Amino acid sequence: MMMTLEEQLLETVRALPAARQHEVLDFAAFIKDRHATPSEPRPFGLCAGEFEVPQDFDAPLPDDVLRTFEQ
């Protein structure tokens, strides 16, 4: 007889040490939260006036700044 997916998961998790079972539980919670739909969309312009984007925002970064990303 073939086990269901749920039975396979339970059997696999039960075979793990307690510390690893906690990791599985944390990962399952992460997946559940990531795919949860927000109850209400955030309103457009929520942060309007909170900050100003500089005119040179998309200008190339100086070489010394670029080097920090390459390390």
PDB file of N, CA and C in Angstrom:
ATOM      1  N   MET A   1       0.843  -1.183   0.000  1.00  0.00           N
ATOM      2  CA  MET A   1       0.000   0.000   0.000  1.00  0.00           C
ATOM      3  C   MET A   1       0.889   1.248   0.000  1.00  0.00           C
ATOM      4  N   MET A   2       0.533   2.202  -0.828  1.00  0.00           N
ATOM      5  CA  MET A   2       1.318   3.420  -0.967  1.00  0.00           C
ATOM      6  C   MET A   2       0.899   4.445   0.091  1.00  0.00           C
ATOM      7  N   MET A   3       1.896   5.087   0.703  1.00  0.00           N
ATOM      8  CA  MET A   3       1.608   6.109   1.712  1.00  0.00           C
ATOM      9  C   MET A   3       1.203   7.409   1.029  1.00  0.00           C
ATOM     10  N   THR A   4       0.354   8.157   1.713  1.00  0.00           N
ATOM     11  CA  THR A   4      -0.012   9.479   1.211  1.00  0.00           C
ATOM     12  C   THR A   4       1.159  10.431   1.452  1.00  0.00           C
ATOM     13  N   LEU A   5       1.106  11.563   0.819  1.00  0.00           N
ATOM     14  CA  LEU A   5       2.146  12.574   1.005  1.00  0.00           C
ATOM     15  C   LEU A   5       2.234  12.984   2.474  1.00  0.00           C
ATOM     16  N   GLU A   6       1.097  13.172   3.109  1.00  0.00           N
ATOM     17  CA  GLU A   6       1.080  13.556   4.522  1.00  0.00           C
ATOM     18  C   GLU A   6       1.753  12.492   5.384  1.00  0.00           C
ATOM     19  N   GLU A   7       1.460  11.231   5.114  1.00  0.00           N
ATOM     20  CA  GLU A   7       2.088  10.138   5.869  1.00  0.00           C
ATOM     21  C   GLU A   7       3.595  10.101   5.642  1.00  0.00           C
ATOM     22  N   GLN A   8       4.016  10.337   4.408  1.00  0.00           N
ATOM     23  CA  GLN A   8       5.448  10.366   4.101  1.00  0.00           C
ATOM     24  C   GLN A   8       6.143  11.502   4.849  1.00  0.00           C
ATOM     25  N   LEU A   9       5.507  12.670   4.858  1.00  0.00           N
ATOM     26  CA  LEU A   9       6.069  13.815   5.581  1.00  0.00           C
ATOM     27  C   LEU A   9       6.197  13.517   7.075  1.00  0.00           C
ATOM     28  N   LEU A  10       5.130  12.997   7.662  1.00  0.00           N
ATOM     29  CA  LEU A  10       5.158  12.696   9.092  1.00  0.00           C
ATOM     30  C   LEU A  10       6.226  11.669   9.430  1.00  0.00           C
ATOM     31  N   GLU A  11       6.331  10.628   8.635  1.00  0.00           N
ATOM     32  CA  GLU A  11       7.331   9.595   8.883  1.00  0.00           C
ATOM     33  C   GLU A  11       8.742  10.165   8.787  1.00  0.00           C
ATOM     34  N   THR A  12       8.961  10.998   7.787  1.00  0.00           N
ATOM     35  CA  THR A  12      10.283  11.594   7.594  1.00  0.00           C
ATOM     36  C   THR A  12      10.630  12.536   8.738  1.00  0.00           C
ATOM     37  N   VAL A  13       9.688  13.380   9.131  1.00  0.00           N
ATOM     38  CA  VAL A  13       9.936  14.341  10.206  1.00  0.00           C
ATOM     39  C   VAL A  13      10.137  13.619  11.536  1.00  0.00           C
ATOM     40  N   ARG A  14       9.362  12.596  11.795  1.00  0.00           N
ATOM     41  CA  ARG A  14       9.508  11.843  13.055  1.00  0.00           C
ATOM     42  C   ARG A  14      10.875  11.182  13.167  1.00  0.00           C
ATOM     43  N   ALA A  15      11.493  10.864  12.042  1.00  0.00           N
ATOM     44  CA  ALA A  15      12.803  10.217  12.053  1.00  0.00           C
ATOM     45  C   ALA A  15      13.938  11.208  12.320  1.00  0.00           C
ATOM     46  N   LEU A  16      13.643  12.489  12.263  1.00  0.00           N
ATOM     47  CA  LEU A  16      14.669  13.514  12.475  1.00  0.00           C
ATOM     48  C   LEU A  16      14.876  13.785  13.959  1.00  0.00           C
ATOM     49  N   PRO A  17      16.084  14.230  14.329  1.00  0.00           N
ATOM     50  CA  PRO A  17      16.293  14.691  15.706  1.00  0.00           C
ATOM     51  C   PRO A  17      15.440  15.936  15.974  1.00  0.00           C
ATOM     52  N   ALA A  18      15.161  16.198  17.241  1.00  0.00           N
ATOM     53  CA  ALA A  18      14.277  17.309  17.622  1.00  0.00           C
ATOM     54  C   ALA A  18      14.728  18.645  17.040  1.00  0.00           C
ATOM     55  N   ALA A  19      16.037  18.893  17.033  1.00  0.00           N
ATOM     56  CA  ALA A  19      16.539  20.169  16.501  1.00  0.00           C
ATOM     57  C   ALA A  19      16.192  20.320  15.027  1.00  0.00           C
ATOM     58  N   ARG A  20      16.285  19.241  14.278  1.00  0.00           N
ATOM     59  CA  ARG A  20      15.963  19.292  12.844  1.00  0.00           C
ATOM     60  C   ARG A  20      14.455  19.407  12.637  1.00  0.00           C
ATOM     61  N   GLN A  21      13.676  18.822  13.540  1.00  0.00           N
ATOM     62  CA  GLN A  21      12.222  18.956  13.451  1.00  0.00           C
ATOM     63  C   GLN A  21      11.826  20.422  13.607  1.00  0.00           C
ATOM     64  N   HIS A  22      12.514  21.140  14.490  1.00  0.00           N
ATOM     65  CA  HIS A  22      12.244  22.574  14.655  1.00  0.00           C
ATOM     66  C   HIS A  22      12.591  23.339  13.381  1.00  0.00           C
ATOM     67  N   GLU A  23      13.664  22.944  12.713  1.00  0.00           N
ATOM     68  CA  GLU A  23      14.026  23.593  11.446  1.00  0.00           C
ATOM     69  C   GLU A  23      12.938  23.375  10.403  1.00  0.00           C
ATOM     70  N   VAL A  24      12.418  22.150  10.343  1.00  0.00           N
ATOM     71  CA  VAL A  24      11.342  21.841   9.391  1.00  0.00           C
ATOM     72  C   VAL A  24      10.111  22.680   9.714  1.00  0.00           C
ATOM     73  N   LEU A  25       9.789  22.788  10.990  1.00  0.00           N
ATOM     74  CA  LEU A  25       8.634  23.589  11.405  1.00  0.00           C
ATOM     75  C   LEU A  25       8.824  25.059  11.037  1.00  0.00           C
ATOM     76  N   ASP A  26      10.014  25.593  11.296  1.00  0.00           N
ATOM     77  CA  ASP A  26      10.308  26.984  10.924  1.00  0.00           C
ATOM     78  C   ASP A  26      10.189  27.191   9.420  1.00  0.00           C
ATOM     79  N   PHE A  27      10.703  26.227   8.645  1.00  0.00           N
ATOM     80  CA  PHE A  27      10.641  26.343   7.189  1.00  0.00           C
ATOM     81  C   PHE A  27       9.193  26.285   6.703  1.00  0.00           C
ATOM     82  N   ALA A  28       8.393  25.396   7.286  1.00  0.00           N
ATOM     83  CA  ALA A  28       6.981  25.300   6.901  1.00  0.00           C
ATOM     84  C   ALA A  28       6.252  26.610   7.208  1.00  0.00           C
ATOM     85  N   ALA A  29       6.557  27.219   8.355  1.00  0.00           N
ATOM     86  CA  ALA A  29       5.938  28.504   8.704  1.00  0.00           C
ATOM     87  C   ALA A  29       6.364  29.587   7.723  1.00  0.00           C
ATOM     88  N   PHE A  30       7.643  29.568   7.321  1.00  0.00           N
ATOM     89  CA  PHE A  30       8.148  30.533   6.345  1.00  0.00           C
ATOM     90  C   PHE A  30       7.392  30.403   5.025  1.00  0.00           C
ATOM     91  N   ILE A  31       7.233  29.169   4.547  1.00  0.00           N
ATOM     92  CA  ILE A  31       6.524  28.938   3.279  1.00  0.00           C
ATOM     93  C   ILE A  31       5.072  29.390   3.396  1.00  0.00           C
ATOM     94  N   LYS A  32       4.438  29.059   4.502  1.00  0.00           N
ATOM     95  CA  LYS A  32       3.037  29.438   4.705  1.00  0.00           C
ATOM     96  C   LYS A  32       2.880  30.959   4.693  1.00  0.00           C
ATOM     97  N   ASP A  33       3.762  31.658   5.417  1.00  0.00           N
ATOM     98  CA  ASP A  33       3.695  33.122   5.472  1.00  0.00           C
ATOM     99  C   ASP A  33       3.991  33.763   4.127  1.00  0.00           C
ATOM    100  N   ARG A  34       4.941  33.188   3.387  1.00  0.00           N
ATOM    101  CA  ARG A  34       5.337  33.758   2.098  1.00  0.00           C
ATOM    102  C   ARG A  34       4.192  33.704   1.095  1.00  0.00           C
ATOM    103  N   HIS A  35       3.375  32.676   1.197  1.00  0.00           N
ATOM    104  CA  HIS A  35       2.290  32.515   0.233  1.00  0.00           C
ATOM    105  C   HIS A  35       0.946  33.027   0.749  1.00  0.00           C
ATOM    106  N   ALA A  36       0.950  33.604   1.935  1.00  0.00           N
ATOM    107  CA  ALA A  36      -0.285  34.173   2.474  1.00  0.00           C
ATOM    108  C   ALA A  36      -0.621  35.455   1.719  1.00  0.00           C
ATOM    109  N   THR A  37      -1.869  35.643   1.432  1.00  0.00           N
ATOM    110  CA  THR A  37      -2.279  36.863   0.733  1.00  0.00           C
ATOM    111  C   THR A  37      -2.526  37.959   1.761  1.00  0.00           C
ATOM    112  N   PRO A  38      -2.053  39.156   1.483  1.00  0.00           N
ATOM    113  CA  PRO A  38      -2.298  40.244   2.431  1.00  0.00           C
ATOM    114  C   PRO A  38      -3.796  40.513   2.542  1.00  0.00           C
ATOM    115  N   SER A  39      -4.226  40.886   3.724  1.00  0.00           N
ATOM    116  CA  SER A  39      -5.652  41.100   3.942  1.00  0.00           C
ATOM    117  C   SER A  39      -6.178  42.296   3.152  1.00  0.00           C
ATOM    118  N   GLU A  40      -5.321  43.268   2.939  1.00  0.00           N
ATOM    119  CA  GLU A  40      -5.758  44.476   2.246  1.00  0.00           C
ATOM    120  C   GLU A  40      -4.535  45.101   1.566  1.00  0.00           C
ATOM    121  N   PRO A  41      -4.647  45.477   0.295  1.00  0.00           N
ATOM    122  CA  PRO A  41      -3.480  46.068  -0.381  1.00  0.00           C
ATOM    123  C   PRO A  41      -3.097  47.407   0.252  1.00  0.00           C
ATOM    124  N   ARG A  42      -1.808  47.681   0.217  1.00  0.00           N
ATOM    125  CA  ARG A  42      -1.328  48.960   0.749  1.00  0.00           C
ATOM    126  C   ARG A  42      -1.768  50.086  -0.174  1.00  0.00           C
ATOM    127  N   PRO A  43      -2.180  51.207   0.392  1.00  0.00           N
ATOM    128  CA  PRO A  43      -2.637  52.317  -0.443  1.00  0.00           C
ATOM    129  C   PRO A  43      -1.489  52.933  -1.241  1.00  0.00           C
ATOM    130  N   PHE A  44      -1.802  53.370  -2.457  1.00  0.00           N
ATOM    131  CA  PHE A  44      -0.828  54.031  -3.315  1.00  0.00           C
ATOM    132  C   PHE A  44      -0.424  55.355  -2.682  1.00  0.00           C
ATOM    133  N   GLY A  45       0.859  55.657  -2.732  1.00  0.00           N
ATOM    134  CA  GLY A  45       1.349  56.927  -2.205  1.00  0.00           C
ATOM    135  C   GLY A  45       1.421  56.973  -0.692  1.00  0.00           C
ATOM    136  N   LEU A  46       1.541  55.827  -0.065  1.00  0.00           N
ATOM    137  CA  LEU A  46       1.557  55.748   1.393  1.00  0.00           C
ATOM    138  C   LEU A  46       2.666  56.599   2.010  1.00  0.00           C
ATOM    139  N   CYS A  47       3.808  56.672   1.343  1.00  0.00           N
ATOM    140  CA  CYS A  47       4.953  57.438   1.870  1.00  0.00           C
ATOM    141  C   CYS A  47       5.166  58.747   1.115  1.00  0.00           C
ATOM    142  N   ALA A  48       4.150  59.227   0.451  1.00  0.00           N
ATOM    143  CA  ALA A  48       4.299  60.465  -0.320  1.00  0.00           C
ATOM    144  C   ALA A  48       4.783  61.591   0.581  1.00  0.00           C
ATOM    145  N   GLY A  49       5.832  62.280   0.127  1.00  0.00           N
ATOM    146  CA  GLY A  49       6.380  63.398   0.867  1.00  0.00           C
ATOM    147  C   GLY A  49       7.345  63.008   1.973  1.00  0.00           C
ATOM    148  N   GLU A  50       7.546  61.719   2.208  1.00  0.00           N
ATOM    149  CA  GLU A  50       8.441  61.256   3.273  1.00  0.00           C
ATOM    150  C   GLU A  50       9.911  61.401   2.892  1.00  0.00           C
ATOM    151  N   PHE A  51      10.211  61.286   1.605  1.00  0.00           N
ATOM    152  CA  PHE A  51      11.593  61.408   1.156  1.00  0.00           C
ATOM    153  C   PHE A  51      11.601  61.910  -0.276  1.00  0.00           C
ATOM    154  N   GLU A  52      12.752  62.366  -0.715  1.00  0.00           N
ATOM    155  CA  GLU A  52      12.891  62.893  -2.068  1.00  0.00           C
ATOM    156  C   GLU A  52      13.992  62.127  -2.787  1.00  0.00           C
ATOM    157  N   VAL A  53      13.709  61.680  -3.993  1.00  0.00           N
ATOM    158  CA  VAL A  53      14.704  60.974  -4.795  1.00  0.00           C
ATOM    159  C   VAL A  53      15.589  62.019  -5.468  1.00  0.00           C
ATOM    160  N   PRO A  54      16.907  61.941  -5.251  1.00  0.00           N
ATOM    161  CA  PRO A  54      17.812  62.931  -5.850  1.00  0.00           C
ATOM    162  C   PRO A  54      17.779  62.870  -7.380  1.00  0.00           C
ATOM    163  N   GLN A  55      18.067  63.999  -8.021  1.00  0.00           N
ATOM    164  CA  GLN A  55      18.073  64.068  -9.483  1.00  0.00           C
ATOM    165  C   GLN A  55      19.086  63.095 -10.087  1.00  0.00           C
ATOM    166  N   ASP A  56      20.201  62.870  -9.399  1.00  0.00           N
ATOM    167  CA  ASP A  56      21.248  61.995  -9.944  1.00  0.00           C
ATOM    168  C   ASP A  56      21.118  60.551  -9.432  1.00  0.00           C
ATOM    169  N   PHE A  57      19.926  60.151  -9.057  1.00  0.00           N
ATOM    170  CA  PHE A  57      19.696  58.826  -8.489  1.00  0.00           C
ATOM    171  C   PHE A  57      20.230  57.701  -9.368  1.00  0.00           C
ATOM    172  N   ASP A  58      20.023  57.814 -10.671  1.00  0.00           N
ATOM    173  CA  ASP A  58      20.450  56.741 -11.575  1.00  0.00           C
ATOM    174  C   ASP A  58      21.816  56.996 -12.208  1.00  0.00           C
ATOM    175  N   ALA A  59      22.552  57.953 -11.688  1.00  0.00           N
ATOM    176  CA  ALA A  59      23.908  58.222 -12.188  1.00  0.00           C
ATOM    177  C   ALA A  59      24.840  57.088 -11.761  1.00  0.00           C
ATOM    178  N   PRO A  60      25.884  56.827 -12.533  1.00  0.00           N
ATOM    179  CA  PRO A  60      26.832  55.774 -12.154  1.00  0.00           C
ATOM    180  C   PRO A  60      27.452  56.058 -10.782  1.00  0.00           C
ATOM    181  N   LEU A  61      27.688  54.986 -10.038  1.00  0.00           N
ATOM    182  CA  LEU A  61      28.313  55.125  -8.722  1.00  0.00           C
ATOM    183  C   LEU A  61      29.803  55.385  -8.870  1.00  0.00           C
ATOM    184  N   PRO A  62      30.405  56.079  -7.911  1.00  0.00           N
ATOM    185  CA  PRO A  62      31.854  56.297  -7.949  1.00  0.00           C
ATOM    186  C   PRO A  62      32.595  54.958  -7.851  1.00  0.00           C
ATOM    187  N   ASP A  63      33.812  54.924  -8.384  1.00  0.00           N
ATOM    188  CA  ASP A  63      34.601  53.688  -8.408  1.00  0.00           C
ATOM    189  C   ASP A  63      34.815  53.099  -7.022  1.00  0.00           C
ATOM    190  N   ASP A  64      35.079  53.943  -6.016  1.00  0.00           N
ATOM    191  CA  ASP A  64      35.329  53.408  -4.672  1.00  0.00           C
ATOM    192  C   ASP A  64      34.096  52.706  -4.107  1.00  0.00           C
ATOM    193  N   VAL A  65      32.909  53.189  -4.428  1.00  0.00           N
ATOM    194  CA  VAL A  65      31.678  52.539  -3.980  1.00  0.00           C
ATOM    195  C   VAL A  65      31.487  51.227  -4.740  1.00  0.00           C
ATOM    196  N   LEU A  66      31.715  51.237  -6.041  1.00  0.00           N
ATOM    197  CA  LEU A  66      31.584  50.014  -6.838  1.00  0.00           C
ATOM    198  C   LEU A  66      32.515  48.916  -6.343  1.00  0.00           C
ATOM    199  N   ARG A  67      33.728  49.295  -5.945  1.00  0.00           N
ATOM    200  CA  ARG A  67      34.697  48.300  -5.462  1.00  0.00           C
ATOM    201  C   ARG A  67      34.198  47.576  -4.213  1.00  0.00           C
ATOM    202  N   THR A  68      33.441  48.251  -3.373  1.00  0.00           N
ATOM    203  CA  THR A  68      32.939  47.595  -2.156  1.00  0.00           C
ATOM    204  C   THR A  68      31.970  46.465  -2.489  1.00  0.00           C
ATOM    205  N   PHE A  69      31.281  46.555  -3.623  1.00  0.00           N
ATOM    206  CA  PHE A  69      30.367  45.493  -4.036  1.00  0.00           C
ATOM    207  C   PHE A  69      31.100  44.326  -4.683  1.00  0.00           C
ATOM    208  N   GLU A  70      32.300  44.556  -5.147  1.00  0.00           N
ATOM    209  CA  GLU A  70      33.064  43.526  -5.846  1.00  0.00           C
ATOM    210  C   GLU A  70      33.900  42.681  -4.900  1.00  0.00           C
ATOM    211  N   GLN A  71      34.021  43.082  -3.661  1.00  0.00           N
ATOM    212  CA  GLN A  71      34.866  42.349  -2.708  1.00  0.00           C
ATOM    213  C   GLN A  71      34.180  41.133  -2.168  1.00  0.00           C
TER     214      GLN A  71
END
